[in-house]
Amino acid sequence: MTDPTRFEAEDDLPRELLAQRICDFRLQIQGGPLEGILARFEVELADAGIRRLHPHYYLSDEWGVPDGTVAIAIPFYLADVRLRSIQARRGVFVEGNDETDVLRYLRHEMGHVINYAYRLHETEEWTRTFGPMDRPYEDDFRTVPFSPDFVRHLPGGYAQMHPDEDWAETFAVWMTPGLDWAELYADAPGALAKLRYVARVLGEIGDREPPVVEVDLDGEVGGLEVTVQEFYDNLELEQVSLPRSLDGDLRVLVAPHAAAPPGAAREEAAALFLHHRDHLAGAVYRWTGLLPERGRALIDYLTERARALGLSYLASERDQVLCDLACLLAALAMNHARTGAYVRET
């Protein structure tokens, strides 16, 4: 199977770009696509009553807030349209695919800043509401989709990962301009109680000077000495292995559309899977919590099997086949969410 993180030279992606070190791009927030977005975010902060705390923004390899600081790390690829294009092509996920999405992530990270700057996590009430801050992080956490105890903000049930993320997601929902969170979560008592806690606490600390104002530029873009190609080559790709009995399910997926009148156009199922891979992986992540890199690897596997089986469908029924594929992926992803495996092993 082709390595999906490898890029070939293309007219708009020359080898020189891929061979350039990330630090040599001299990426900056000022004067780039992020400058206006951050100015808009500062207005949001003021409108939310947060006037004494001003985060420091910098470019790094991913979103984040170093523990105990007020610095917000922003993915470097959001500062350059060429690098953003490469991030999209590698097929994992663009965390900030437009201005609205970038603001969504900024609100989440600001939640961490508020938590650390005012040491909220050290209070008994915060711990009772969200859980102990020293709970271990588990990257392979399993979510309960649509749980009434958690808000839904970033995709993938991120609030369920850790108490600190639960707080940050709840804060982000509270901060979202024009959102009536009380009505939205009226039938979710656990999430609503957390939102009310955020509203009360922010009302109390809004005009207080924060006791913590440390800035730590962990992973700052100037220190990323790897090339663009090396950065994506270093990503770990998940290997997907499913029982061959799933071949029968793929045949069923196109079987209702197998009978064709004379001369009816047919299309390869593998091409359809590949064409919609990135969107499907992102959608499955949003609704099931299956990480997009895993979803992409899963779709790559199904694509290879469809190609090996020579599966095709009526071109006139492309939408039905695509809907069936989405349902199959959601079912496999939910199995993974509940059991840690796509299909139960014998």
Protein backbone atom coordinates (compact mmCIF):
# COMPACT_ATOMS: atom_id res chain seq x y z
CA MET A 1 0.00 0.00 0.00
CA THR A 2 1.28 3.48 -0.83
CA ASP A 3 2.54 5.46 2.15
CA PRO A 4 -0.08 8.24 2.45
CA THR A 5 2.39 10.67 4.07
CA ARG A 6 4.77 10.59 1.10
CA PHE A 7 4.52 13.44 -1.37
CA GLU A 8 5.67 13.39 -4.94
CA ALA A 9 6.85 16.52 -6.69
CA GLU A 10 3.89 18.39 -8.14
CA ASP A 11 3.50 21.70 -9.91
CA ASP A 12 2.27 23.34 -6.70
CA LEU A 13 4.39 21.22 -4.32
CA PRO A 14 7.98 21.33 -5.63
CA ARG A 15 10.63 19.13 -4.06
CA GLU A 16 12.41 22.26 -2.84
CA LEU A 17 9.43 23.07 -0.60
CA LEU A 18 9.31 19.58 0.89
CA ALA A 19 13.07 19.59 1.45
CA GLN A 20 13.06 22.91 3.30
CA ARG A 21 13.43 22.93 7.07
CA ILE A 22 10.34 24.24 8.87
CA CYS A 23 12.40 26.72 10.88
CA ASP A 24 13.75 28.21 7.62
CA PHE A 25 10.31 29.33 6.49
CA ARG A 26 10.61 32.22 8.98
CA LEU A 27 6.95 31.81 9.83
CA GLN A 28 5.29 34.63 11.75
CA ILE A 29 1.85 35.44 13.07
CA GLN A 30 2.17 39.12 12.22
CA GLY A 31 1.37 39.89 8.62
CA GLY A 32 0.01 36.41 7.94
CA PRO A 33 -3.42 34.77 7.82
CA LEU A 34 -3.54 34.39 11.61
CA GLU A 35 -3.10 38.06 12.49
CA GLY A 36 -6.66 39.11 11.76
CA ILE A 37 -8.12 36.02 13.41
CA LEU A 38 -6.22 36.70 16.64
CA ALA A 39 -7.38 40.32 16.60
CA ARG A 40 -10.96 39.08 16.36
CA PHE A 41 -10.30 36.64 19.20
CA GLU A 42 -9.02 39.46 21.43
CA VAL A 43 -12.33 41.23 20.88
CA GLU A 44 -14.14 38.04 21.89
CA LEU A 45 -12.10 37.91 25.11
CA ALA A 46 -13.01 41.47 25.99
CA ASP A 47 -16.67 40.87 25.21
CA ALA A 48 -16.57 37.82 27.50
CA GLY A 49 -15.27 40.02 30.33
CA ILE A 50 -11.70 38.66 30.21
CA ARG A 51 -9.68 41.87 30.32
CA ARG A 52 -6.86 41.21 32.77
CA LEU A 53 -5.45 38.12 31.13
CA HIS A 54 -3.72 38.35 27.76
CA PRO A 55 -2.33 35.10 26.37
CA HIS A 56 0.90 34.95 24.38
CA TYR A 57 0.48 33.36 20.96
CA TYR A 58 3.24 31.51 19.17
CA LEU A 59 3.73 28.94 16.40
CA SER A 60 4.60 25.34 17.20
CA ASP A 61 4.00 21.83 15.85
CA GLU A 62 0.49 21.53 17.31
CA TRP A 63 -2.18 23.26 19.37
CA GLY A 64 -1.48 23.42 23.09
CA VAL A 65 -0.75 25.38 26.25
CA PRO A 66 2.41 24.38 28.15
CA ASP A 67 1.47 23.41 31.70
CA GLY A 68 1.33 26.35 34.10
CA THR A 69 1.70 29.03 31.41
CA VAL A 70 -0.43 31.56 29.54
CA ALA A 71 1.12 30.79 26.12
CA ILE A 72 -1.02 29.34 23.33
CA ALA A 73 0.79 27.24 20.73
CA ILE A 74 -0.72 27.33 17.24
CA PRO A 75 0.16 24.80 14.50
CA PHE A 76 2.79 26.27 12.19
CA TYR A 77 0.96 25.21 9.04
CA LEU A 78 -1.85 27.69 9.77
CA ALA A 79 0.62 30.54 9.15
CA ASP A 80 1.34 29.57 5.52
CA VAL A 81 -1.15 28.52 2.84
CA ARG A 82 1.38 26.16 1.22
CA LEU A 83 2.03 24.32 4.47
CA ARG A 84 -1.66 24.17 5.23
CA SER A 85 -2.16 22.51 1.87
CA ILE A 86 0.43 19.87 2.73
CA GLN A 87 -1.23 19.26 6.09
CA ALA A 88 -4.51 18.68 4.29
CA ARG A 89 -2.93 16.35 1.73
CA ARG A 90 -1.35 14.07 4.28
CA GLY A 91 -4.92 13.12 5.15
CA VAL A 92 -4.85 13.28 8.95
CA PHE A 93 -6.65 16.46 10.01
CA VAL A 94 -6.41 20.22 9.61
CA GLU A 95 -7.11 21.59 13.06
CA GLY A 96 -8.31 24.98 11.91
CA ASN A 97 -9.61 24.58 8.37
CA ASP A 98 -11.03 28.13 8.25
CA GLU A 99 -11.37 31.23 10.44
CA THR A 100 -14.37 29.86 12.31
CA ASP A 101 -12.54 26.63 13.06
CA VAL A 102 -9.37 28.42 14.24
CA LEU A 103 -11.47 30.46 16.65
CA ARG A 104 -13.04 27.25 17.93
CA TYR A 105 -9.59 25.89 18.83
CA LEU A 106 -8.49 29.21 20.31
CA ARG A 107 -11.44 29.21 22.70
CA HIS A 108 -10.52 25.71 23.83
CA GLU A 109 -6.87 26.63 24.43
CA MET A 110 -7.94 29.79 26.25
CA GLY A 111 -9.76 27.53 28.67
CA HIS A 112 -6.42 25.96 29.59
CA VAL A 113 -4.87 29.43 29.97
CA ILE A 114 -7.64 30.50 32.36
CA ASN A 115 -7.28 27.28 34.34
CA TYR A 116 -3.51 27.65 34.78
CA ALA A 117 -3.41 31.43 35.21
CA TYR A 118 -5.91 31.41 38.09
CA ARG A 119 -4.97 27.95 39.41
CA LEU A 120 -8.60 26.89 39.29
CA HIS A 121 -7.69 23.20 39.21
CA GLU A 122 -6.25 23.52 42.72
CA THR A 123 -9.67 24.24 44.23
CA GLU A 124 -11.93 21.58 45.69
CA GLU A 125 -14.96 22.75 43.72
CA TRP A 126 -13.14 22.49 40.39
CA THR A 127 -12.00 18.98 41.27
CA ARG A 128 -15.52 17.96 42.34
CA THR A 129 -16.93 19.31 39.09
CA PHE A 130 -14.38 18.03 36.56
CA GLY A 131 -12.23 15.48 38.34
CA PRO A 132 -8.64 15.36 39.65
CA MET A 133 -6.08 17.22 37.58
CA ASP A 134 -3.48 14.50 38.20
CA ARG A 135 -5.55 11.85 36.42
CA PRO A 136 -3.31 10.29 33.75
CA TYR A 137 -3.81 11.31 30.15
CA GLU A 138 -4.79 8.47 27.84
CA ASP A 139 -4.30 9.21 24.15
CA ASP A 140 -6.35 6.13 23.28
CA PHE A 141 -9.35 7.17 25.35
CA ARG A 142 -12.81 5.82 24.60
CA THR A 143 -15.78 8.13 24.39
CA VAL A 144 -19.48 7.80 25.10
CA PRO A 145 -21.03 9.63 22.12
CA PHE A 146 -23.61 12.25 23.07
CA SER A 147 -23.04 11.77 26.79
CA PRO A 148 -25.21 14.27 28.75
CA ASP A 149 -22.32 14.83 31.15
CA PHE A 150 -20.06 16.54 28.61
CA VAL A 151 -20.34 19.41 26.16
CA ARG A 152 -19.50 18.85 22.48
CA HIS A 153 -17.16 21.44 21.00
CA LEU A 154 -14.05 20.03 19.33
CA PRO A 155 -14.64 16.85 17.34
CA GLY A 156 -14.12 13.39 18.73
CA GLY A 157 -15.67 13.75 22.19
CA TYR A 158 -12.54 15.57 23.35
CA ALA A 159 -14.08 16.69 26.64
CA GLN A 160 -14.04 13.08 27.80
CA MET A 161 -10.28 12.72 27.47
CA HIS A 162 -9.23 14.33 30.79
CA PRO A 163 -10.62 16.73 33.44
CA ASP A 164 -8.45 19.55 32.06
CA GLU A 165 -9.92 18.99 28.59
CA ASP A 166 -13.42 18.77 30.05
CA TRP A 167 -12.91 22.20 31.62
CA ALA A 168 -11.39 23.67 28.43
CA GLU A 169 -14.22 22.36 26.25
CA THR A 170 -16.86 23.61 28.69
CA PHE A 171 -15.18 27.01 28.83
CA ALA A 172 -15.07 27.15 25.02
CA VAL A 173 -18.80 26.49 24.76
CA TRP A 174 -19.49 29.14 27.41
CA MET A 175 -17.31 31.65 25.51
CA THR A 176 -18.76 31.04 22.03
CA PRO A 177 -20.42 34.31 20.93
CA GLY A 178 -24.17 34.15 20.40
CA LEU A 179 -24.52 30.59 21.69
CA ASP A 180 -27.42 30.01 24.09
CA TRP A 181 -25.69 27.21 25.99
CA ALA A 182 -28.38 27.10 28.68
CA GLU A 183 -31.01 26.18 26.10
CA LEU A 184 -28.69 23.93 24.09
CA TYR A 185 -27.82 21.78 27.11
CA ALA A 186 -31.12 22.12 28.99
CA ASP A 187 -31.67 18.35 28.80
CA ALA A 188 -28.06 17.47 29.67
CA PRO A 189 -27.87 18.13 33.43
CA GLY A 190 -24.23 17.12 33.87
CA ALA A 191 -22.95 19.39 31.10
CA LEU A 192 -25.28 22.22 32.14
CA ALA A 193 -23.99 22.16 35.72
CA LYS A 194 -20.44 22.53 34.43
CA LEU A 195 -21.41 25.43 32.19
CA ARG A 196 -23.07 27.22 35.09
CA TYR A 197 -19.92 26.69 37.13
CA VAL A 198 -17.82 28.27 34.38
CA ALA A 199 -20.20 31.23 34.11
CA ARG A 200 -20.07 31.85 37.86
CA VAL A 201 -16.30 31.49 38.16
CA LEU A 202 -15.59 33.74 35.17
CA GLY A 203 -17.89 36.34 36.66
CA GLU A 204 -15.79 36.25 39.82
CA ILE A 205 -12.31 36.37 38.26
CA GLY A 206 -12.91 38.49 35.16
CA ASP A 207 -11.39 41.68 36.64
CA ARG A 208 -8.77 40.01 38.84
CA GLU A 209 -5.10 40.00 37.95
CA PRO A 210 -3.97 36.41 37.33
CA PRO A 211 -1.41 35.04 39.78
CA VAL A 212 0.32 33.09 36.99
CA VAL A 213 1.66 34.89 33.91
CA GLU A 214 4.47 32.54 32.90
CA VAL A 215 5.27 32.13 29.20
CA ASP A 216 7.05 29.01 27.96
CA LEU A 217 7.42 28.62 24.19
CA ASP A 218 7.66 24.85 24.24
CA GLY A 219 8.26 23.49 20.73
CA GLU A 220 8.52 26.97 19.17
CA VAL A 221 8.63 26.89 15.38
CA GLY A 222 12.14 28.34 15.25
CA GLY A 223 13.40 25.13 16.81
CA LEU A 224 11.74 22.80 14.29
CA GLU A 225 14.84 21.90 12.31
CA VAL A 226 13.31 18.93 10.46
CA THR A 227 12.29 19.32 6.83
CA VAL A 228 8.64 19.39 5.83
CA GLN A 229 9.03 15.90 4.36
CA GLU A 230 10.71 14.56 7.52
CA PHE A 231 8.00 16.06 9.73
CA TYR A 232 5.30 14.05 8.00
CA ASP A 233 7.47 10.96 7.48
CA ASN A 234 7.89 10.77 11.26
CA LEU A 235 4.16 10.28 11.76
CA GLU A 236 3.29 6.80 12.92
CA LEU A 237 0.86 5.10 10.56
CA GLU A 238 -1.53 2.57 12.00
CA GLN A 239 -1.65 -0.80 10.32
CA VAL A 240 -5.19 -2.06 9.80
CA SER A 241 -5.97 -5.75 9.63
CA LEU A 242 -9.54 -6.99 9.35
CA PRO A 243 -10.93 -10.51 8.88
CA ARG A 244 -11.49 -11.49 5.26
CA SER A 245 -15.13 -12.07 6.11
CA LEU A 246 -15.47 -8.30 5.76
CA ASP A 247 -14.97 -8.80 2.03
CA GLY A 248 -18.51 -10.14 2.04
CA ASP A 249 -19.74 -6.93 3.61
CA LEU A 250 -18.03 -4.90 0.91
CA ARG A 251 -19.75 -7.01 -1.72
CA VAL A 252 -23.08 -6.41 0.02
CA LEU A 253 -22.32 -2.70 0.00
CA VAL A 254 -22.44 -2.65 -3.81
CA ALA A 255 -24.65 -5.73 -4.37
CA PRO A 256 -28.00 -3.89 -4.41
CA HIS A 257 -26.55 -1.81 -7.23
CA ALA A 258 -24.94 -4.68 -9.14
CA ALA A 259 -27.67 -5.39 -11.68
CA ALA A 260 -27.26 -2.99 -14.54
CA PRO A 261 -29.39 -2.36 -17.64
CA PRO A 262 -27.55 -2.73 -20.95
CA GLY A 263 -25.05 0.06 -21.51
CA ALA A 264 -25.31 1.48 -17.96
CA ALA A 265 -22.12 3.16 -16.81
CA ARG A 266 -20.24 1.59 -13.92
CA GLU A 267 -17.53 3.00 -11.67
CA GLU A 268 -14.87 1.46 -9.47
CA ALA A 269 -15.75 1.32 -5.78
CA ALA A 270 -12.10 1.81 -4.83
CA ALA A 271 -11.99 5.15 -6.63
CA LEU A 272 -15.09 6.32 -4.78
CA PHE A 273 -13.65 5.30 -1.41
CA LEU A 274 -10.37 7.08 -2.14
CA HIS A 275 -12.02 10.26 -3.42
CA HIS A 276 -14.04 10.74 -0.21
CA ARG A 277 -11.45 9.35 2.21
CA ASP A 278 -10.41 12.55 3.98
CA HIS A 279 -13.93 13.90 4.43
CA LEU A 280 -15.22 10.54 5.68
CA ALA A 281 -12.32 10.18 8.12
CA GLY A 282 -13.05 13.64 9.52
CA ALA A 283 -16.79 13.03 9.78
CA VAL A 284 -16.33 9.67 11.49
CA TYR A 285 -13.92 11.33 13.95
CA ARG A 286 -16.43 14.04 14.80
CA TRP A 287 -19.29 11.66 15.55
CA THR A 288 -17.55 8.56 16.94
CA GLY A 289 -14.20 9.71 18.32
CA LEU A 290 -12.16 7.48 16.01
CA LEU A 291 -9.00 9.48 15.36
CA PRO A 292 -8.83 10.76 11.76
CA GLU A 293 -5.50 9.05 11.08
CA ARG A 294 -7.10 5.77 12.10
CA GLY A 295 -10.14 6.47 9.98
CA ARG A 296 -7.96 7.23 6.99
CA ALA A 297 -5.97 4.03 7.47
CA LEU A 298 -9.22 2.08 7.75
CA ILE A 299 -10.55 3.57 4.52
CA ASP A 300 -7.22 2.86 2.81
CA TYR A 301 -7.59 -0.78 3.81
CA LEU A 302 -11.16 -0.99 2.49
CA THR A 303 -10.04 0.74 -0.70
CA GLU A 304 -7.35 -1.88 -1.29
CA ARG A 305 -9.81 -4.71 -0.67
CA ALA A 306 -12.39 -3.16 -3.02
CA ARG A 307 -9.70 -2.85 -5.68
CA ALA A 308 -8.53 -6.44 -5.16
CA LEU A 309 -12.11 -7.70 -5.41
CA GLY A 310 -12.81 -5.63 -8.51
CA LEU A 311 -15.92 -4.09 -6.98
CA SER A 312 -17.94 -1.63 -9.02
CA TYR A 313 -21.34 0.04 -8.89
CA LEU A 314 -23.80 1.85 -11.13
CA ALA A 315 -22.69 5.44 -11.64
CA SER A 316 -26.30 6.57 -11.27
CA GLU A 317 -26.37 5.14 -7.73
CA ARG A 318 -23.17 6.68 -6.42
CA ASP A 319 -24.94 8.52 -3.58
CA GLN A 320 -26.52 5.33 -2.24
CA VAL A 321 -23.18 3.51 -2.25
CA LEU A 322 -21.51 6.43 -0.47
CA CYS A 323 -24.23 6.45 2.21
CA ASP A 324 -23.76 2.71 2.73
CA LEU A 325 -20.00 3.20 3.03
CA ALA A 326 -20.46 5.92 5.66
CA CYS A 327 -22.74 3.64 7.68
CA LEU A 328 -20.24 0.79 7.48
CA LEU A 329 -17.42 3.06 8.66
CA ALA A 330 -19.54 4.40 11.53
CA ALA A 331 -20.39 0.84 12.64
CA LEU A 332 -16.72 -0.20 12.59
CA ALA A 333 -15.72 2.98 14.41
CA MET A 334 -18.31 2.46 17.14
CA ASN A 335 -17.06 -1.10 17.63
CA HIS A 336 -13.60 0.39 18.08
CA ALA A 337 -14.94 2.98 20.55
CA ARG A 338 -16.60 0.30 22.70
CA THR A 339 -14.10 -2.57 22.46
CA GLY A 340 -10.84 -1.18 21.12
CA ALA A 341 -11.16 -3.25 17.92
CA TYR A 342 -13.08 -2.81 14.67
CA VAL A 343 -14.18 -6.45 14.65
CA ARG A 344 -14.15 -8.80 17.62
CA GLU A 345 -11.28 -11.22 17.33
CA THR A 346 -11.94 -14.95 17.70
